[in-house]
Amino acid sequence: MNIKQVSERSGVSPQNIRFYEKEKLLCPARNPDNRYREYTEEDLRILKLIRMLRMLDMPLPEIRRILHNELSLTEAALAQRDRLKEQAEQLDSAIRFCGILAGSSQTTRELNVDEYLARMSQNPQPGSFFTQWVEDYRAVAWAEHNKRFSFFPDGPVTNPREFTDALLDYAAKENLNLVIVHESMNPQFTIDGVEYKAVRRYAHCRNLPVATVQCTVVHPEDFEPDVSPSRRKIQQILHYAWPLLAFLAIDLLILLPRGIATELFTTWWGWGLILVFASMGIYNAAYNYYYIYNENGKTNRSHH
């Protein structure tokens, strides 16, 4: 079976299948002739098992341990049952508090917020929400890595033949199963059956033009993670904008011990410092988007 067939039979999206392979939950064999994945009935059974366990909200690390025979299904199920019971108790508590608030008929000014916070803090929330956000972010990051990538060719790319040679050279270096489908100055190719298109761009380094080959997946919807659209959008922004956030965090870490962080927004030098760090962060975020996840992210494709 190919990935489309096993996806239809398992109910798991192609993007999630690739993500599970990256997480070492699934290791399909490859056809020795074309190096494409070939999924067996056993792979299908494993995918259905993963889907079932994920429907129970079982964390991926535990599912991996089950599949690698490091943890029994019984032990994992009991541990997950305990977690779900704890979450259910916390949900019941939240429902009760909502009922109390609804029946109090108090306005926000009349409400004793400190009292309610003290009562609610007696049952702190577990880290399941944060854990789910981390897992969703990993899925979004992996998808973004694989939707687009770029590289610097070793030689000139001035005609279709040279473009093909550049793509094949890149594939050989990265051990990718790349097949040219359409040779041109806007070539199309596949990597393990995933369709990509490429375009040549020029960047300038010390006033000298440097060729860059930028490749984009033809069907990005196949890489969309199983994450809510609103959460996916937030995490995509964080994925590409982390340099900006990092620079601003460093800015505050430097200034807080000096006791002058409050002057940032009240003095001209404070705003100037913010603009400098923000500019550095925006530049690095853009560089992150076009190059870092393209050049350094290419190892994410080498497993296909």
C-alpha atoms as a PDB file:
ATOM      1  CA  MET A   1       0.000   0.000   0.000  1.00  0.00           C
ATOM      2  CA  ASN A   2       1.116   3.560  -0.644  1.00  0.00           C
ATOM      3  CA  ILE A   3       0.598   6.379   1.831  1.00  0.00           C
ATOM      4  CA  LYS A   4      -2.725   7.444   0.313  1.00  0.00           C
ATOM      5  CA  GLN A   5      -4.147   3.933   0.557  1.00  0.00           C
ATOM      6  CA  VAL A   6      -2.971   3.322   4.120  1.00  0.00           C
ATOM      7  CA  SER A   7      -4.307   6.754   5.102  1.00  0.00           C
ATOM      8  CA  GLU A   8      -7.770   5.943   3.743  1.00  0.00           C
ATOM      9  CA  ARG A   9      -7.855   2.558   5.476  1.00  0.00           C
ATOM     10  CA  SER A  10      -6.491   3.742   8.825  1.00  0.00           C
ATOM     11  CA  GLY A  11      -8.249   7.093   9.076  1.00  0.00           C
ATOM     12  CA  VAL A  12      -4.899   8.786   9.782  1.00  0.00           C
ATOM     13  CA  SER A  13      -3.937  11.737   7.583  1.00  0.00           C
ATOM     14  CA  PRO A  14      -0.796  11.473   5.385  1.00  0.00           C
ATOM     15  CA  GLN A  15       0.785  14.317   7.350  1.00  0.00           C
ATOM     16  CA  ASN A  16       0.255  12.508  10.656  1.00  0.00           C
ATOM     17  CA  ILE A  17       1.585   9.275   9.178  1.00  0.00           C
ATOM     18  CA  ARG A  18       4.807  11.069   8.202  1.00  0.00           C
ATOM     19  CA  PHE A  19       4.967  12.686  11.629  1.00  0.00           C
ATOM     20  CA  TYR A  20       4.594   9.313  13.355  1.00  0.00           C
ATOM     21  CA  GLU A  21       7.420   7.984  11.178  1.00  0.00           C
ATOM     22  CA  LYS A  22       9.597  10.897  12.253  1.00  0.00           C
ATOM     23  CA  GLU A  23       8.752  10.107  15.890  1.00  0.00           C
ATOM     24  CA  LYS A  24       9.837   6.473  15.332  1.00  0.00           C
ATOM     25  CA  LEU A  25       6.341   5.122  15.936  1.00  0.00           C
ATOM     26  CA  LEU A  26       6.204   3.565  12.487  1.00  0.00           C
ATOM     27  CA  CYS A  27       8.983   2.223  10.250  1.00  0.00           C
ATOM     28  CA  PRO A  28       7.609   1.108   6.856  1.00  0.00           C
ATOM     29  CA  ALA A  29       9.791  -0.794   4.403  1.00  0.00           C
ATOM     30  CA  ARG A  30      10.910   0.719   1.106  1.00  0.00           C
ATOM     31  CA  ASN A  31      10.539  -0.627  -2.402  1.00  0.00           C
ATOM     32  CA  PRO A  32      14.097  -1.529  -3.537  1.00  0.00           C
ATOM     33  CA  ASP A  33      13.344  -0.341  -7.082  1.00  0.00           C
ATOM     34  CA  ASN A  34      12.040   3.175  -6.447  1.00  0.00           C
ATOM     35  CA  ARG A  35      12.712   3.617  -2.675  1.00  0.00           C
ATOM     36  CA  TYR A  36       9.064   4.548  -2.073  1.00  0.00           C
ATOM     37  CA  ARG A  37       7.485   3.454   1.182  1.00  0.00           C
ATOM     38  CA  GLU A  38       5.404   0.311   1.044  1.00  0.00           C
ATOM     39  CA  TYR A  39       2.987  -0.098   3.931  1.00  0.00           C
ATOM     40  CA  THR A  40       2.021  -3.581   5.059  1.00  0.00           C
ATOM     41  CA  GLU A  41      -1.023  -4.885   6.906  1.00  0.00           C
ATOM     42  CA  GLU A  42       1.088  -4.776  10.078  1.00  0.00           C
ATOM     43  CA  ASP A  43       1.829  -1.076   9.464  1.00  0.00           C
ATOM     44  CA  LEU A  44      -1.908  -0.534   9.017  1.00  0.00           C
ATOM     45  CA  ARG A  45      -2.604  -2.307  12.321  1.00  0.00           C
ATOM     46  CA  ILE A  46       0.001  -0.149  14.105  1.00  0.00           C
ATOM     47  CA  LEU A  47      -1.526   3.031  12.671  1.00  0.00           C
ATOM     48  CA  LYS A  48      -4.970   2.009  13.872  1.00  0.00           C
ATOM     49  CA  LEU A  49      -3.509   1.264  17.305  1.00  0.00           C
ATOM     50  CA  ILE A  50      -1.816   4.688  17.414  1.00  0.00           C
ATOM     51  CA  ARG A  51      -5.070   6.335  16.395  1.00  0.00           C
ATOM     52  CA  MET A  52      -6.972   4.461  19.123  1.00  0.00           C
ATOM     53  CA  LEU A  53      -4.450   5.428  21.815  1.00  0.00           C
ATOM     54  CA  ARG A  54      -4.374   9.052  20.686  1.00  0.00           C
ATOM     55  CA  MET A  55      -8.193   9.113  20.929  1.00  0.00           C
ATOM     56  CA  LEU A  56      -7.599   8.236  24.594  1.00  0.00           C
ATOM     57  CA  ASP A  57      -5.300  11.290  24.774  1.00  0.00           C
ATOM     58  CA  MET A  58      -2.300   9.066  25.539  1.00  0.00           C
ATOM     59  CA  PRO A  59       1.010  10.964  25.154  1.00  0.00           C
ATOM     60  CA  LEU A  60       3.215  10.086  22.194  1.00  0.00           C
ATOM     61  CA  PRO A  61       6.239   9.124  24.362  1.00  0.00           C
ATOM     62  CA  GLU A  62       4.156   6.439  26.066  1.00  0.00           C
ATOM     63  CA  ILE A  63       2.795   5.164  22.751  1.00  0.00           C
ATOM     64  CA  ARG A  64       6.372   4.895  21.491  1.00  0.00           C
ATOM     65  CA  ARG A  65       7.351   2.869  24.564  1.00  0.00           C
ATOM     66  CA  ILE A  66       4.397   0.546  24.001  1.00  0.00           C
ATOM     67  CA  LEU A  67       5.323  -0.043  20.364  1.00  0.00           C
ATOM     68  CA  HIS A  68       8.963  -0.634  21.321  1.00  0.00           C
ATOM     69  CA  ASN A  69       7.910  -3.141  24.012  1.00  0.00           C
ATOM     70  CA  GLU A  70       9.321  -0.947  26.760  1.00  0.00           C
ATOM     71  CA  LEU A  71       5.928  -0.504  28.424  1.00  0.00           C
ATOM     72  CA  SER A  72       3.004  -2.911  28.538  1.00  0.00           C
ATOM     73  CA  LEU A  73      -0.370  -1.831  27.231  1.00  0.00           C
ATOM     74  CA  THR A  74      -1.890  -2.671  30.617  1.00  0.00           C
ATOM     75  CA  GLU A  75       0.496  -0.390  32.507  1.00  0.00           C
ATOM     76  CA  ALA A  76       0.022   2.441  30.017  1.00  0.00           C
ATOM     77  CA  ALA A  77      -3.759   2.092  30.116  1.00  0.00           C
ATOM     78  CA  LEU A  78      -3.836   2.183  33.918  1.00  0.00           C
ATOM     79  CA  ALA A  79      -1.591   5.269  34.020  1.00  0.00           C
ATOM     80  CA  GLN A  80      -3.731   7.026  31.410  1.00  0.00           C
ATOM     81  CA  ARG A  81      -6.902   6.087  33.276  1.00  0.00           C
ATOM     82  CA  ASP A  82      -5.512   7.763  36.391  1.00  0.00           C
ATOM     83  CA  ARG A  83      -4.626  10.889  34.407  1.00  0.00           C
ATOM     84  CA  LEU A  84      -8.078  11.022  32.844  1.00  0.00           C
ATOM     85  CA  LYS A  85      -9.718  10.578  36.251  1.00  0.00           C
ATOM     86  CA  GLU A  86      -7.686  13.492  37.589  1.00  0.00           C
ATOM     87  CA  GLN A  87      -8.656  15.621  34.603  1.00  0.00           C
ATOM     88  CA  ALA A  88     -12.304  14.600  35.029  1.00  0.00           C
ATOM     89  CA  GLU A  89     -12.225  15.661  38.681  1.00  0.00           C
ATOM     90  CA  GLN A  90     -10.725  19.008  37.709  1.00  0.00           C
ATOM     91  CA  LEU A  91     -13.354  19.468  34.997  1.00  0.00           C
ATOM     92  CA  ASP A  92     -16.086  18.657  37.522  1.00  0.00           C
ATOM     93  CA  SER A  93     -14.571  21.228  39.864  1.00  0.00           C
ATOM     94  CA  ALA A  94     -14.494  23.828  37.087  1.00  0.00           C
ATOM     95  CA  ILE A  95     -18.136  23.039  36.218  1.00  0.00           C
ATOM     96  CA  ARG A  96     -19.126  23.494  39.860  1.00  0.00           C
ATOM     97  CA  PHE A  97     -17.331  26.849  40.055  1.00  0.00           C
ATOM     98  CA  CYS A  98     -19.093  27.989  36.887  1.00  0.00           C
ATOM     99  CA  GLY A  99     -22.399  27.053  38.507  1.00  0.00           C
ATOM    100  CA  ILE A 100     -21.475  28.958  41.660  1.00  0.00           C
ATOM    101  CA  LEU A 101     -20.508  32.038  39.655  1.00  0.00           C
ATOM    102  CA  ALA A 102     -23.671  31.841  37.578  1.00  0.00           C
ATOM    103  CA  GLY A 103     -25.866  31.543  40.697  1.00  0.00           C
ATOM    104  CA  SER A 104     -24.167  34.270  42.709  1.00  0.00           C
ATOM    105  CA  SER A 105     -25.751  37.107  40.707  1.00  0.00           C
ATOM    106  CA  GLN A 106     -22.732  39.211  41.648  1.00  0.00           C
ATOM    107  CA  THR A 107     -21.132  41.763  39.403  1.00  0.00           C
ATOM    108  CA  THR A 108     -17.382  41.770  38.793  1.00  0.00           C
ATOM    109  CA  ARG A 109     -17.051  44.634  41.290  1.00  0.00           C
ATOM    110  CA  GLU A 110     -18.992  42.771  43.995  1.00  0.00           C
ATOM    111  CA  LEU A 111     -17.216  39.439  43.536  1.00  0.00           C
ATOM    112  CA  ASN A 112     -14.564  38.501  46.114  1.00  0.00           C
ATOM    113  CA  VAL A 113     -11.966  37.405  43.559  1.00  0.00           C
ATOM    114  CA  ASP A 114      -9.300  36.558  46.166  1.00  0.00           C
ATOM    115  CA  GLU A 115     -11.639  34.108  47.866  1.00  0.00           C
ATOM    116  CA  TYR A 116     -12.462  32.313  44.634  1.00  0.00           C
ATOM    117  CA  LEU A 117      -8.818  32.190  43.569  1.00  0.00           C
ATOM    118  CA  ALA A 118      -7.857  30.696  46.929  1.00  0.00           C
ATOM    119  CA  ARG A 119     -10.523  28.006  46.595  1.00  0.00           C
ATOM    120  CA  MET A 120      -9.564  27.205  42.994  1.00  0.00           C
ATOM    121  CA  SER A 121      -5.839  27.057  43.759  1.00  0.00           C
ATOM    122  CA  GLN A 122      -6.473  24.166  46.119  1.00  0.00           C
ATOM    123  CA  ASN A 123      -6.878  21.989  42.995  1.00  0.00           C
ATOM    124  CA  PRO A 124      -4.088  23.084  40.637  1.00  0.00           C
ATOM    125  CA  GLN A 125      -4.310  22.156  36.998  1.00  0.00           C
ATOM    126  CA  PRO A 126      -1.927  19.478  35.682  1.00  0.00           C
ATOM    127  CA  GLY A 127       0.514  19.992  32.865  1.00  0.00           C
ATOM    128  CA  SER A 128      -1.682  18.206  30.298  1.00  0.00           C
ATOM    129  CA  PHE A 129      -2.654  21.454  28.587  1.00  0.00           C
ATOM    130  CA  PHE A 130       0.966  22.555  28.264  1.00  0.00           C
ATOM    131  CA  THR A 131       1.984  19.063  27.137  1.00  0.00           C
ATOM    132  CA  GLN A 132      -0.652  19.099  24.394  1.00  0.00           C
ATOM    133  CA  TRP A 133       0.563  22.509  23.239  1.00  0.00           C
ATOM    134  CA  VAL A 134       4.131  21.188  23.041  1.00  0.00           C
ATOM    135  CA  GLU A 135       3.049  18.150  21.032  1.00  0.00           C
ATOM    136  CA  ASP A 136       0.937  20.310  18.709  1.00  0.00           C
ATOM    137  CA  TYR A 137       3.852  22.710  18.254  1.00  0.00           C
ATOM    138  CA  ARG A 138       6.162  19.844  17.305  1.00  0.00           C
ATOM    139  CA  ALA A 139       3.648  18.709  14.680  1.00  0.00           C
ATOM    140  CA  VAL A 140       3.291  22.255  13.305  1.00  0.00           C
ATOM    141  CA  ALA A 141       7.067  22.785  13.264  1.00  0.00           C
ATOM    142  CA  TRP A 142       7.640  19.502  11.446  1.00  0.00           C
ATOM    143  CA  ALA A 143       4.979  20.392   8.856  1.00  0.00           C
ATOM    144  CA  GLU A 144       6.475  23.854   8.270  1.00  0.00           C
ATOM    145  CA  HIS A 145       9.945  22.330   7.825  1.00  0.00           C
ATOM    146  CA  ASN A 146       8.669  20.045   5.113  1.00  0.00           C
ATOM    147  CA  LYS A 147       6.399  22.422   3.228  1.00  0.00           C
ATOM    148  CA  ARG A 148       9.324  24.423   1.888  1.00  0.00           C
ATOM    149  CA  PHE A 149      13.101  24.323   1.827  1.00  0.00           C
ATOM    150  CA  SER A 150      15.950  25.986  -0.031  1.00  0.00           C
ATOM    151  CA  PHE A 151      19.593  25.359  -0.765  1.00  0.00           C
ATOM    152  CA  PHE A 152      22.566  27.007  -2.428  1.00  0.00           C
ATOM    153  CA  PRO A 153      23.624  25.120  -5.574  1.00  0.00           C
ATOM    154  CA  ASP A 154      27.310  24.417  -6.100  1.00  0.00           C
ATOM    155  CA  GLY A 155      27.292  25.591  -9.724  1.00  0.00           C
ATOM    156  CA  PRO A 156      25.363  27.966 -11.966  1.00  0.00           C
ATOM    157  CA  VAL A 157      21.665  27.461 -12.647  1.00  0.00           C
ATOM    158  CA  THR A 158      21.123  29.158 -15.996  1.00  0.00           C
ATOM    159  CA  ASN A 159      19.216  26.501 -17.948  1.00  0.00           C
ATOM    160  CA  PRO A 160      16.903  23.539 -17.268  1.00  0.00           C
ATOM    161  CA  ARG A 161      19.738  20.988 -17.451  1.00  0.00           C
ATOM    162  CA  GLU A 162      21.779  22.835 -14.838  1.00  0.00           C
ATOM    163  CA  PHE A 163      18.668  23.171 -12.664  1.00  0.00           C
ATOM    164  CA  THR A 164      18.136  19.411 -12.820  1.00  0.00           C
ATOM    165  CA  ASP A 165      21.791  18.773 -11.990  1.00  0.00           C
ATOM    166  CA  ALA A 166      21.545  21.110  -8.983  1.00  0.00           C
ATOM    167  CA  LEU A 167      18.485  19.275  -7.647  1.00  0.00           C
ATOM    168  CA  LEU A 168      20.056  15.844  -8.156  1.00  0.00           C
ATOM    169  CA  ASP A 169      23.315  16.966  -6.514  1.00  0.00           C
ATOM    170  CA  TYR A 170      21.374  18.232  -3.513  1.00  0.00           C
ATOM    171  CA  ALA A 171      19.421  14.954  -3.310  1.00  0.00           C
ATOM    172  CA  ALA A 172      22.640  12.927  -3.460  1.00  0.00           C
ATOM    173  CA  LYS A 173      24.196  14.946  -0.616  1.00  0.00           C
ATOM    174  CA  GLU A 174      21.101  14.613   1.567  1.00  0.00           C
ATOM    175  CA  ASN A 175      20.375  10.986   0.607  1.00  0.00           C
ATOM    176  CA  LEU A 176      16.921  11.881  -0.696  1.00  0.00           C
ATOM    177  CA  ASN A 177      14.854   9.852  -3.134  1.00  0.00           C
ATOM    178  CA  LEU A 178      14.327  12.742  -5.577  1.00  0.00           C
ATOM    179  CA  VAL A 179      12.776  12.102  -9.010  1.00  0.00           C
ATOM    180  CA  ILE A 180      12.508  14.831 -11.662  1.00  0.00           C
ATOM    181  CA  VAL A 181       8.990  14.961 -13.095  1.00  0.00           C
ATOM    182  CA  HIS A 182       9.251  18.030 -15.312  1.00  0.00           C
ATOM    183  CA  GLU A 183      12.535  19.595 -16.366  1.00  0.00           C
ATOM    184  CA  SER A 184      12.454  23.368 -16.874  1.00  0.00           C
ATOM    185  CA  MET A 185      13.459  26.590 -15.142  1.00  0.00           C
ATOM    186  CA  ASN A 186      10.453  25.919 -12.884  1.00  0.00           C
ATOM    187  CA  PRO A 187      10.961  22.182 -12.461  1.00  0.00           C
ATOM    188  CA  GLN A 188       8.685  19.773 -10.667  1.00  0.00           C
ATOM    189  CA  PHE A 189       9.966  16.772  -8.757  1.00  0.00           C
ATOM    190  CA  THR A 190       9.025  14.299  -6.056  1.00  0.00           C
ATOM    191  CA  ILE A 191      10.702  13.249  -2.811  1.00  0.00           C
ATOM    192  CA  ASP A 192       9.395   9.840  -1.801  1.00  0.00           C
ATOM    193  CA  GLY A 193       6.265  10.517  -3.821  1.00  0.00           C
ATOM    194  CA  VAL A 194       5.629  13.986  -2.351  1.00  0.00           C
ATOM    195  CA  GLU A 195       5.354  16.553  -5.151  1.00  0.00           C
ATOM    196  CA  TYR A 196       7.462  19.707  -5.055  1.00  0.00           C
ATOM    197  CA  LYS A 197       8.095  22.620  -7.396  1.00  0.00           C
ATOM    198  CA  ALA A 198      11.251  24.714  -7.498  1.00  0.00           C
ATOM    199  CA  VAL A 199      12.262  28.202  -8.517  1.00  0.00           C
ATOM    200  CA  ARG A 200      15.630  29.924  -8.760  1.00  0.00           C
ATOM    201  CA  ARG A 201      16.130  33.145  -6.820  1.00  0.00           C
ATOM    202  CA  TYR A 202      19.085  35.459  -6.427  1.00  0.00           C
ATOM    203  CA  ALA A 203      20.310  36.961  -3.181  1.00  0.00           C
ATOM    204  CA  HIS A 204      23.198  39.428  -2.875  1.00  0.00           C
ATOM    205  CA  CYS A 205      26.266  38.850  -0.773  1.00  0.00           C
ATOM    206  CA  ARG A 206      28.767  41.722  -0.829  1.00  0.00           C
ATOM    207  CA  ASN A 207      27.060  43.034  -3.965  1.00  0.00           C
ATOM    208  CA  LEU A 208      27.534  39.687  -5.711  1.00  0.00           C
ATOM    209  CA  PRO A 209      24.457  37.704  -6.844  1.00  0.00           C
ATOM    210  CA  VAL A 210      24.186  34.283  -5.228  1.00  0.00           C
ATOM    211  CA  ALA A 211      21.749  31.722  -6.649  1.00  0.00           C
ATOM    212  CA  THR A 212      19.292  30.078  -4.276  1.00  0.00           C
ATOM    213  CA  VAL A 213      16.935  27.246  -5.173  1.00  0.00           C
ATOM    214  CA  GLN A 214      13.656  27.472  -3.287  1.00  0.00           C
ATOM    215  CA  CYS A 215      11.412  24.407  -3.244  1.00  0.00           C
ATOM    216  CA  THR A 216       7.757  24.296  -2.182  1.00  0.00           C
ATOM    217  CA  VAL A 217       5.418  21.357  -1.754  1.00  0.00           C
ATOM    218  CA  VAL A 218       2.655  21.266  -4.377  1.00  0.00           C
ATOM    219  CA  HIS A 219      -0.071  20.075  -2.012  1.00  0.00           C
ATOM    220  CA  PRO A 220       0.584  21.768   1.359  1.00  0.00           C
ATOM    221  CA  GLU A 221      -2.755  20.546   2.667  1.00  0.00           C
ATOM    222  CA  ASP A 222      -1.213  17.070   2.954  1.00  0.00           C
ATOM    223  CA  PHE A 223       1.159  18.478   5.574  1.00  0.00           C
ATOM    224  CA  GLU A 224      -1.413  20.251   7.701  1.00  0.00           C
ATOM    225  CA  PRO A 225      -1.191  18.812  11.231  1.00  0.00           C
ATOM    226  CA  ASP A 226      -4.210  17.609  13.136  1.00  0.00           C
ATOM    227  CA  VAL A 227      -4.380  20.830  15.141  1.00  0.00           C
ATOM    228  CA  SER A 228      -7.199  23.360  15.414  1.00  0.00           C
ATOM    229  CA  PRO A 229      -6.831  26.212  12.852  1.00  0.00           C
ATOM    230  CA  SER A 230      -6.592  28.935  15.513  1.00  0.00           C
ATOM    231  CA  ARG A 231      -3.938  27.074  17.527  1.00  0.00           C
ATOM    232  CA  ARG A 232      -2.039  26.184  14.338  1.00  0.00           C
ATOM    233  CA  LYS A 233      -1.927  29.849  13.285  1.00  0.00           C
ATOM    234  CA  ILE A 234      -0.589  30.943  16.686  1.00  0.00           C
ATOM    235  CA  GLN A 235       2.058  28.238  16.655  1.00  0.00           C
ATOM    236  CA  GLN A 236       3.086  29.053  13.082  1.00  0.00           C
ATOM    237  CA  ILE A 237       3.669  32.661  14.167  1.00  0.00           C
ATOM    238  CA  LEU A 238       5.704  31.491  17.170  1.00  0.00           C
ATOM    239  CA  HIS A 239       7.592  29.046  14.974  1.00  0.00           C
ATOM    240  CA  TYR A 240       8.923  31.768  12.708  1.00  0.00           C
ATOM    241  CA  ALA A 241       9.018  34.685  15.144  1.00  0.00           C
ATOM    242  CA  TRP A 242      10.960  33.066  17.977  1.00  0.00           C
ATOM    243  CA  PRO A 243      14.152  35.086  17.162  1.00  0.00           C
ATOM    244  CA  LEU A 244      12.227  38.324  17.761  1.00  0.00           C
ATOM    245  CA  LEU A 245      10.872  37.005  21.066  1.00  0.00           C
ATOM    246  CA  ALA A 246      14.328  35.730  22.043  1.00  0.00           C
ATOM    247  CA  PHE A 247      15.983  39.091  21.392  1.00  0.00           C
ATOM    248  CA  LEU A 248      13.331  40.915  23.421  1.00  0.00           C
ATOM    249  CA  ALA A 249      13.691  38.387  26.258  1.00  0.00           C
ATOM    250  CA  ILE A 250      17.470  38.875  26.263  1.00  0.00           C
ATOM    251  CA  ASP A 251      16.880  42.613  26.324  1.00  0.00           C
ATOM    252  CA  LEU A 252      14.777  42.321  29.484  1.00  0.00           C
ATOM    253  CA  LEU A 253      17.135  39.835  31.135  1.00  0.00           C
ATOM    254  CA  ILE A 254      19.993  42.288  30.675  1.00  0.00           C
ATOM    255  CA  LEU A 255      18.039  45.245  32.021  1.00  0.00           C
ATOM    256  CA  LEU A 256      16.029  43.694  34.858  1.00  0.00           C
ATOM    257  CA  PRO A 257      19.041  43.050  37.158  1.00  0.00           C
ATOM    258  CA  ARG A 258      20.078  46.647  36.623  1.00  0.00           C
ATOM    259  CA  GLY A 259      16.711  47.930  37.803  1.00  0.00           C
ATOM    260  CA  ILE A 260      16.178  50.073  34.704  1.00  0.00           C
ATOM    261  CA  ALA A 261      13.633  47.948  32.811  1.00  0.00           C
ATOM    262  CA  THR A 262      10.830  50.381  33.782  1.00  0.00           C
ATOM    263  CA  GLU A 263      12.645  53.163  31.913  1.00  0.00           C
ATOM    264  CA  LEU A 264      12.405  51.321  28.602  1.00  0.00           C
ATOM    265  CA  PHE A 265       9.056  52.847  27.707  1.00  0.00           C
ATOM    266  CA  THR A 266       9.655  56.270  29.259  1.00  0.00           C
ATOM    267  CA  THR A 267      12.998  57.339  27.771  1.00  0.00           C
ATOM    268  CA  TRP A 268      14.280  57.867  24.257  1.00  0.00           C
ATOM    269  CA  TRP A 269      17.195  55.500  24.785  1.00  0.00           C
ATOM    270  CA  GLY A 270      14.813  52.815  26.058  1.00  0.00           C
ATOM    271  CA  TRP A 271      12.724  53.013  22.903  1.00  0.00           C
ATOM    272  CA  GLY A 272      15.909  53.082  20.846  1.00  0.00           C
ATOM    273  CA  LEU A 273      17.159  49.922  22.527  1.00  0.00           C
ATOM    274  CA  ILE A 274      13.813  48.219  21.958  1.00  0.00           C
ATOM    275  CA  LEU A 275      13.889  49.201  18.275  1.00  0.00           C
ATOM    276  CA  VAL A 276      17.432  47.859  17.882  1.00  0.00           C
ATOM    277  CA  PHE A 277      16.579  44.517  19.462  1.00  0.00           C
ATOM    278  CA  ALA A 278      13.260  44.368  17.628  1.00  0.00           C
ATOM    279  CA  SER A 279      14.996  45.053  14.306  1.00  0.00           C
ATOM    280  CA  MET A 280      17.526  42.328  15.013  1.00  0.00           C
ATOM    281  CA  GLY A 281      14.719  39.954  15.923  1.00  0.00           C
ATOM    282  CA  ILE A 282      12.648  40.787  12.829  1.00  0.00           C
ATOM    283  CA  TYR A 283      15.690  40.308  10.604  1.00  0.00           C
ATOM    284  CA  ASN A 284      16.471  36.976  12.207  1.00  0.00           C
ATOM    285  CA  ALA A 285      12.822  35.904  12.021  1.00  0.00           C
ATOM    286  CA  ALA A 286      12.845  36.602   8.277  1.00  0.00           C
ATOM    287  CA  TYR A 287      16.182  34.825   7.930  1.00  0.00           C
ATOM    288  CA  ASN A 288      14.729  32.007  10.010  1.00  0.00           C
ATOM    289  CA  TYR A 289      11.773  31.707   7.611  1.00  0.00           C
ATOM    290  CA  TYR A 290      13.744  31.751   4.366  1.00  0.00           C
ATOM    291  CA  TYR A 291      17.014  30.068   5.282  1.00  0.00           C
ATOM    292  CA  ILE A 292      17.390  28.496   8.725  1.00  0.00           C
ATOM    293  CA  TYR A 293      14.393  26.189   8.399  1.00  0.00           C
ATOM    294  CA  ASN A 294      15.357  25.587   4.807  1.00  0.00           C
ATOM    295  CA  GLU A 295      19.053  24.811   5.099  1.00  0.00           C
ATOM    296  CA  ASN A 296      19.219  23.398   8.636  1.00  0.00           C
ATOM    297  CA  GLY A 297      15.757  21.894   8.426  1.00  0.00           C
ATOM    298  CA  LYS A 298      16.670  19.648   5.536  1.00  0.00           C
ATOM    299  CA  THR A 299      17.616  16.833   7.884  1.00  0.00           C
ATOM    300  CA  ASN A 300      13.915  16.533   8.631  1.00  0.00           C
ATOM    301  CA  ARG A 301      13.399  15.291   5.081  1.00  0.00           C
ATOM    302  CA  SER A 302      16.268  12.856   5.044  1.00  0.00           C
ATOM    303  CA  HIS A 303      14.232  10.260   6.904  1.00  0.00           C
ATOM    304  CA  HIS A 304      11.660   9.982   4.114  1.00  0.00           C
END
